[in-house]
N, C-alpha and C. Protein backbone atom coordinates (compact mmCIF):
# COMPACT_ATOMS: atom_id res chain seq x y z
N MET A 1 427.20 0.98 187.89
CA MET A 1 426.66 1.73 188.53
C MET A 1 426.85 3.21 188.68
N LYS A 2 427.60 2.84 190.06
CA LYS A 2 428.62 4.13 190.59
C LYS A 2 429.13 5.17 189.30
N LYS A 3 429.41 4.53 188.38
CA LYS A 3 430.18 5.42 187.35
C LYS A 3 429.24 5.82 186.39
N ALA A 4 428.05 4.95 185.77
CA ALA A 4 427.13 5.56 185.16
C ALA A 4 425.82 6.52 185.38
N ILE A 5 425.94 5.96 186.87
CA ILE A 5 424.08 6.77 186.76
C ILE A 5 424.48 7.78 188.83
N LEU A 6 424.63 6.81 189.29
CA LEU A 6 424.84 7.68 190.70
C LEU A 6 425.40 8.53 190.27
N GLN A 7 426.87 9.19 189.61
CA GLN A 7 427.39 10.43 189.64
C GLN A 7 426.13 11.43 189.21
N HIS A 8 425.55 11.04 188.35
CA HIS A 8 424.15 11.89 188.02
C HIS A 8 423.40 12.24 188.70
N GLU A 9 422.96 11.64 189.35
CA GLU A 9 421.92 11.93 191.03
C GLU A 9 421.91 13.30 191.19
N GLU A 10 422.42 13.94 192.02
CA GLU A 10 422.19 15.37 192.02
C GLU A 10 421.08 16.42 191.29
N LEU A 11 421.93 15.77 190.57
CA LEU A 11 421.61 16.73 188.51
C LEU A 11 420.29 16.01 188.56
N LEU A 12 419.69 15.26 188.36
CA LEU A 12 418.45 15.18 188.23
C LEU A 12 417.91 15.44 189.32
N GLU A 13 418.28 15.40 190.80
CA GLU A 13 417.16 15.32 192.27
C GLU A 13 417.03 17.02 192.06
N ARG A 14 417.81 17.68 191.72
CA ARG A 14 417.78 19.28 191.41
C ARG A 14 416.83 19.66 189.88
N THR A 15 417.12 19.28 188.63
CA THR A 15 416.52 20.10 187.27
C THR A 15 415.29 18.86 187.17
N ASN A 16 415.32 18.19 187.91
CA ASN A 16 414.10 16.35 187.43
C ASN A 16 414.18 16.33 186.00
N ASN A 17 415.12 16.48 185.31
CA ASN A 17 415.71 16.30 184.37
C ASN A 17 417.23 15.94 183.91
N LEU A 18 417.48 15.09 182.83
CA LEU A 18 418.81 15.15 181.85
C LEU A 18 418.95 15.54 181.14
N PRO A 19 420.24 16.09 180.68
CA PRO A 19 420.34 15.92 179.39
C PRO A 19 420.19 15.68 178.38
N LYS A 20 419.16 15.72 176.72
CA LYS A 20 419.65 14.03 175.57
C LYS A 20 420.57 12.96 176.71
N GLU A 21 421.75 13.82 175.21
CA GLU A 21 422.95 13.16 175.21
C GLU A 21 422.92 12.05 176.67
N LEU A 22 423.24 13.12 177.77
CA LEU A 22 423.44 11.86 179.32
C LEU A 22 422.51 11.14 179.18
N TYR A 23 420.93 11.15 178.75
CA TYR A 23 419.86 10.20 179.19
C TYR A 23 420.28 9.32 177.95
N GLU A 24 420.57 9.47 176.69
CA GLU A 24 420.84 8.53 175.91
C GLU A 24 421.87 7.41 176.36
N GLU A 25 422.49 7.94 176.40
CA GLU A 25 423.99 7.40 176.86
C GLU A 25 423.43 6.26 177.63
N ILE A 26 423.00 6.69 179.01
CA ILE A 26 422.70 5.88 180.02
C ILE A 26 421.84 5.02 179.19
N LYS A 27 420.89 5.08 178.20
CA LYS A 27 419.59 4.18 177.96
C LYS A 27 420.52 2.74 177.42
N LYS A 28 421.80 3.91 176.54
CA LYS A 28 422.81 2.92 175.55
C LYS A 28 423.51 1.37 176.30
N LYS A 29 424.11 1.92 177.67
CA LYS A 29 424.14 1.34 178.43
C LYS A 29 423.27 0.33 179.35
N SER A 30 421.87 1.09 179.52
CA SER A 30 420.97 -0.37 180.08
C SER A 30 420.94 -1.23 179.18
N CYS A 31 421.16 -1.22 178.20
CA CYS A 31 420.21 -1.93 177.13
C CYS A 31 421.24 -3.16 177.46
N GLU A 32 422.78 -1.89 176.95
CA GLU A 32 423.62 -3.72 176.35
C GLU A 32 423.38 -4.26 177.87
N VAL A 33 423.62 -3.77 178.83
CA VAL A 33 423.39 -4.65 180.63
C VAL A 33 422.36 -5.41 180.89
N GLY A 34 421.45 -5.40 179.96
CA GLY A 34 419.69 -6.04 180.35
C GLY A 34 419.29 -5.51 181.27
N LEU A 35 419.21 -4.41 181.57
CA LEU A 35 418.94 -3.49 182.65
C LEU A 35 417.00 -2.49 182.14
N TYR A 36 417.37 -2.06 181.03
CA TYR A 36 416.67 -0.94 180.45
C TYR A 36 415.20 -1.49 180.29
N ALA A 37 414.00 -1.67 180.79
CA ALA A 37 412.95 -1.53 181.13
C ALA A 37 412.51 -2.59 181.33
N CYS A 38 413.43 -3.51 182.51
CA CYS A 38 413.82 -4.84 183.43
C CYS A 38 412.49 -4.86 183.89
N ASN A 39 411.77 -4.47 183.72
CA ASN A 39 410.20 -4.52 184.56
C ASN A 39 409.64 -4.97 183.36
N MET A 40 409.24 -4.43 181.76
CA MET A 40 408.13 -5.12 181.20
C MET A 40 408.14 -6.59 180.96
N PRO A 41 407.28 -7.06 180.67
CA PRO A 41 407.77 -9.68 180.19
C PRO A 41 408.07 -8.66 179.08
N LYS A 42 408.67 -9.99 178.33
CA LYS A 42 408.95 -10.37 177.71
C LYS A 42 408.02 -10.12 176.49
N GLU A 43 407.18 -10.53 176.73
CA GLU A 43 406.07 -10.61 175.38
C GLU A 43 405.64 -9.03 174.65
N HIS A 44 406.10 -8.00 175.84
CA HIS A 44 405.60 -6.71 175.45
C HIS A 44 406.75 -6.54 173.66
N GLY A 45 408.11 -6.90 174.21
CA GLY A 45 409.14 -7.01 173.42
C GLY A 45 410.47 -6.94 174.41
N GLU A 46 411.51 -6.31 174.09
CA GLU A 46 412.87 -6.28 174.88
C GLU A 46 412.87 -5.17 175.13
């Protein structure tokens, strides 16, 4: 978490945005460990 996300917290807070490449990288890592959209019920997809 610290290496993948928290280091970008200031940028996100300041700009309310992440560069597309960084967003895609975080999304990919989140999916790999099962954290992406973890609040979504399974019946709605993975």
